[in-house]
C-alpha atoms as a PDB file:
ATOM      1  CA  MET A   1     -20.122 192.782 -23.346  1.00  0.00           C
ATOM      2  CA  ARG A   2     -20.160 189.497 -24.565  1.00  0.00           C
ATOM      3  CA  THR A   3     -18.212 188.227 -21.541  1.00  0.00           C
ATOM      4  CA  TYR A   4     -22.367 189.751 -20.105  1.00  0.00           C
ATOM      5  CA  LEU A   5     -24.246 187.719 -22.958  1.00  0.00           C
ATOM      6  CA  THR A   6     -22.611 184.910 -23.931  1.00  0.00           C
ATOM      7  CA  PRO A   7     -23.859 183.146 -19.935  1.00  0.00           C
ATOM      8  CA  LYS A   8     -27.586 185.090 -20.368  1.00  0.00           C
ATOM      9  CA  ALA A   9     -27.788 183.676 -23.427  1.00  0.00           C
ATOM     10  CA  ALA A  10     -26.463 180.417 -21.259  1.00  0.00           C
ATOM     11  CA  VAL A  11     -28.682 180.644 -18.810  1.00  0.00           C
ATOM     12  CA  THR A  12     -32.387 180.767 -21.249  1.00  0.00           C
ATOM     13  CA  ALA A  13     -30.839 177.676 -23.556  1.00  0.00           C
ATOM     14  CA  LEU A  14     -29.960 176.417 -19.819  1.00  0.00           C
ATOM     15  CA  THR A  15     -33.654 176.839 -18.826  1.00  0.00           C
ATOM     16  CA  ARG A  16     -35.496 175.865 -22.283  1.00  0.00           C
ATOM     17  CA  ALA A  17     -33.667 172.420 -22.355  1.00  0.00           C
ATOM     18  CA  ALA A  18     -34.707 171.771 -17.946  1.00  0.00           C
ATOM     19  CA  ALA A  19     -38.021 172.647 -18.969  1.00  0.00           C
ATOM     20  CA  LEU A  20     -38.522 170.108 -21.371  1.00  0.00           C
ATOM     21  CA  GLY A  21     -36.274 166.909 -19.456  1.00  0.00           C
ATOM     22  CA  ARG A  22     -37.580 164.368 -18.012  1.00  0.00           C
ATOM     23  CA  ALA A  23     -37.241 165.035 -14.488  1.00  0.00           C
ATOM     24  CA  ALA A  24     -39.699 168.763 -15.048  1.00  0.00           C
ATOM     25  CA  LEU A  25     -42.085 166.908 -17.611  1.00  0.00           C
ATOM     26  CA  ASP A  26     -42.176 164.286 -15.351  1.00  0.00           C
ATOM     27  CA  HIS A  27     -43.092 166.891 -12.304  1.00  0.00           C
ATOM     28  CA  VAL A  28     -45.268 169.617 -14.842  1.00  0.00           C
ATOM     29  CA  HIS A  29     -48.350 167.813 -13.662  1.00  0.00           C
ATOM     30  CA  GLN A  30     -47.804 168.880 -10.207  1.00  0.00           C
ATOM     31  CA  GLY A  31     -47.704 172.216 -10.933  1.00  0.00           C
ATOM     32  CA  ILE A  32     -43.784 172.476 -10.970  1.00  0.00           C
ATOM     33  CA  ARG A  33     -42.913 174.588 -14.055  1.00  0.00           C
ATOM     34  CA  ILE A  34     -39.274 175.961 -15.095  1.00  0.00           C
ATOM     35  CA  ASN A  35     -38.833 179.630 -16.451  1.00  0.00           C
ATOM     36  CA  ALA A  36     -36.244 182.410 -16.045  1.00  0.00           C
ATOM     37  CA  VAL A  37     -36.423 185.897 -15.690  1.00  0.00           C
ATOM     38  CA  SER A  38     -33.508 188.102 -17.443  1.00  0.00           C
ATOM     39  CA  PRO A  39     -33.027 191.858 -15.929  1.00  0.00           C
ATOM     40  CA  GLY A  40     -30.849 193.917 -17.695  1.00  0.00           C
ATOM     41  CA  SER A  41     -28.843 197.376 -16.841  1.00  0.00           C
ATOM     42  CA  SER A  42     -29.610 199.290 -13.929  1.00  0.00           C
ATOM     43  CA  ASP A  43     -28.193 202.379 -13.227  1.00  0.00           C
ATOM     44  CA  ALA A  44     -25.865 200.515 -10.423  1.00  0.00           C
ATOM     45  CA  PRO A  45     -22.146 200.481 -10.958  1.00  0.00           C
ATOM     46  CA  MET A  46     -22.483 197.347 -12.854  1.00  0.00           C
ATOM     47  CA  SER A  47     -23.327 199.247 -15.748  1.00  0.00           C
ATOM     48  CA  LEU A  48     -20.699 201.812 -15.991  1.00  0.00           C
ATOM     49  CA  ARG A  49     -17.797 201.690 -18.938  1.00  0.00           C
ATOM     50  CA  PRO A  50     -14.304 201.541 -17.131  1.00  0.00           C
ATOM     51  CA  GLY A  51     -13.951 205.724 -17.342  1.00  0.00           C
ATOM     52  CA  GLU A  52     -17.533 206.201 -17.999  1.00  0.00           C
ATOM     53  CA  THR A  53     -19.257 208.989 -15.475  1.00  0.00           C
ATOM     54  CA  GLU A  54     -22.861 208.086 -14.799  1.00  0.00           C
ATOM     55  CA  ALA A  55     -23.236 211.402 -16.990  1.00  0.00           C
ATOM     56  CA  ASP A  56     -21.841 209.839 -19.065  1.00  0.00           C
ATOM     57  CA  ARG A  57     -23.824 206.795 -19.268  1.00  0.00           C
ATOM     58  CA  ALA A  58     -27.180 208.993 -19.245  1.00  0.00           C
ATOM     59  CA  GLU A  59     -26.227 210.080 -22.563  1.00  0.00           C
ATOM     60  CA  ARG A  60     -24.739 207.005 -23.679  1.00  0.00           C
ATOM     61  CA  MET A  61     -28.787 205.498 -23.001  1.00  0.00           C
ATOM     62  CA  LYS A  62     -30.851 207.801 -24.705  1.00  0.00           C
ATOM     63  CA  THR A  63     -29.228 206.309 -27.992  1.00  0.00           C
ATOM     64  CA  GLU A  64     -29.276 202.101 -27.163  1.00  0.00           C
ATOM     65  CA  THR A  65     -32.390 201.962 -25.565  1.00  0.00           C
ATOM     66  CA  PRO A  66     -36.148 202.312 -26.635  1.00  0.00           C
ATOM     67  CA  LEU A  67     -36.731 204.176 -22.909  1.00  0.00           C
ATOM     68  CA  GLY A  68     -33.920 206.366 -23.506  1.00  0.00           C
ATOM     69  CA  ARG A  69     -32.688 206.281 -20.263  1.00  0.00           C
ATOM     70  CA  VAL A  70     -31.795 204.076 -17.572  1.00  0.00           C
ATOM     71  CA  ALA A  71     -33.604 201.824 -15.485  1.00  0.00           C
ATOM     72  CA  ALA A  72     -33.129 203.215 -11.716  1.00  0.00           C
ATOM     73  CA  GLU A  73     -32.024 200.197  -9.354  1.00  0.00           C
ATOM     74  CA  GLU A  74     -35.200 200.297  -7.650  1.00  0.00           C
ATOM     75  CA  GLU A  75     -37.122 199.992 -10.705  1.00  0.00           C
ATOM     76  CA  VAL A  76     -35.381 196.821 -11.987  1.00  0.00           C
ATOM     77  CA  ALA A  77     -35.862 195.372  -8.607  1.00  0.00           C
ATOM     78  CA  GLU A  78     -39.774 195.833  -8.275  1.00  0.00           C
ATOM     79  CA  GLU A  79     -40.480 195.020 -12.297  1.00  0.00           C
ATOM     80  CA  VAL A  80     -38.302 191.528 -11.967  1.00  0.00           C
ATOM     81  CA  ALA A  81     -39.953 190.842  -8.404  1.00  0.00           C
ATOM     82  CA  ALA A  82     -43.846 191.690 -10.973  1.00  0.00           C
ATOM     83  CA  ALA A  83     -42.079 189.116 -13.176  1.00  0.00           C
ATOM     84  CA  VAL A  84     -41.365 186.323 -10.334  1.00  0.00           C
ATOM     85  CA  LEU A  85     -44.325 186.558  -9.341  1.00  0.00           C
ATOM     86  CA  HIS A  86     -46.651 186.393 -12.893  1.00  0.00           C
ATOM     87  CA  LEU A  87     -44.922 183.438 -13.698  1.00  0.00           C
ATOM     88  CA  ALA A  88     -45.442 181.701 -10.223  1.00  0.00           C
ATOM     89  CA  SER A  89     -49.262 182.939 -10.656  1.00  0.00           C
ATOM     90  CA  PRO A  90     -51.870 180.621 -12.018  1.00  0.00           C
ATOM     91  CA  ALA A  91     -51.705 183.308 -14.336  1.00  0.00           C
ATOM     92  CA  ALA A  92     -49.037 181.621 -15.596  1.00  0.00           C
ATOM     93  CA  GLY A  93     -50.182 178.256 -15.173  1.00  0.00           C
ATOM     94  CA  SER A  94     -49.296 176.939 -19.330  1.00  0.00           C
ATOM     95  CA  VAL A  95     -46.347 178.797 -19.450  1.00  0.00           C
ATOM     96  CA  VAL A  96     -43.372 176.912 -19.222  1.00  0.00           C
ATOM     97  CA  GLY A  97     -39.735 177.497 -20.017  1.00  0.00           C
ATOM     98  CA  ALA A  98     -39.716 181.644 -21.128  1.00  0.00           C
ATOM     99  CA  ASP A  99     -37.134 183.247 -19.960  1.00  0.00           C
ATOM    100  CA  LEU A 100     -39.018 186.697 -19.487  1.00  0.00           C
ATOM    101  CA  VAL A 101     -36.946 189.533 -20.751  1.00  0.00           C
ATOM    102  CA  VAL A 102     -36.552 192.649 -18.055  1.00  0.00           C
ATOM    103  CA  HIS A 103     -34.891 195.610 -20.557  1.00  0.00           C
ATOM    104  CA  SER A 104     -36.271 198.421 -20.937  1.00  0.00           C
ATOM    105  CA  GLY A 105     -36.060 197.530 -24.322  1.00  0.00           C
ATOM    106  CA  SER A 106     -32.185 196.849 -25.055  1.00  0.00           C
ATOM    107  CA  SER A 107     -32.077 194.191 -27.239  1.00  0.00           C
ATOM    108  CA  ALA A 108     -35.555 195.780 -29.368  1.00  0.00           C
END
């Protein structure tokens, strides 16, 4: 898990650093904003632990996420797309350097 979480933390740090960097500040008045969207796990094969079945994963997720289930791959894709559209919209015009996490509450 550390090999996955460390790069995700780096993306968050890089997003914030880039958003506050000189180049970004030079262009923010043009509506150019730097943000990130970090999706969590889904029912894709990547979320299975070695030797784990889909039924095992479903049981594990009952206690590992506040939602008590693993999100469907399509559900995550739709929510990530909605997050990106929100960040690109005028409704998020003052959002800069944010990492919008879509992860079923797994780090809550």
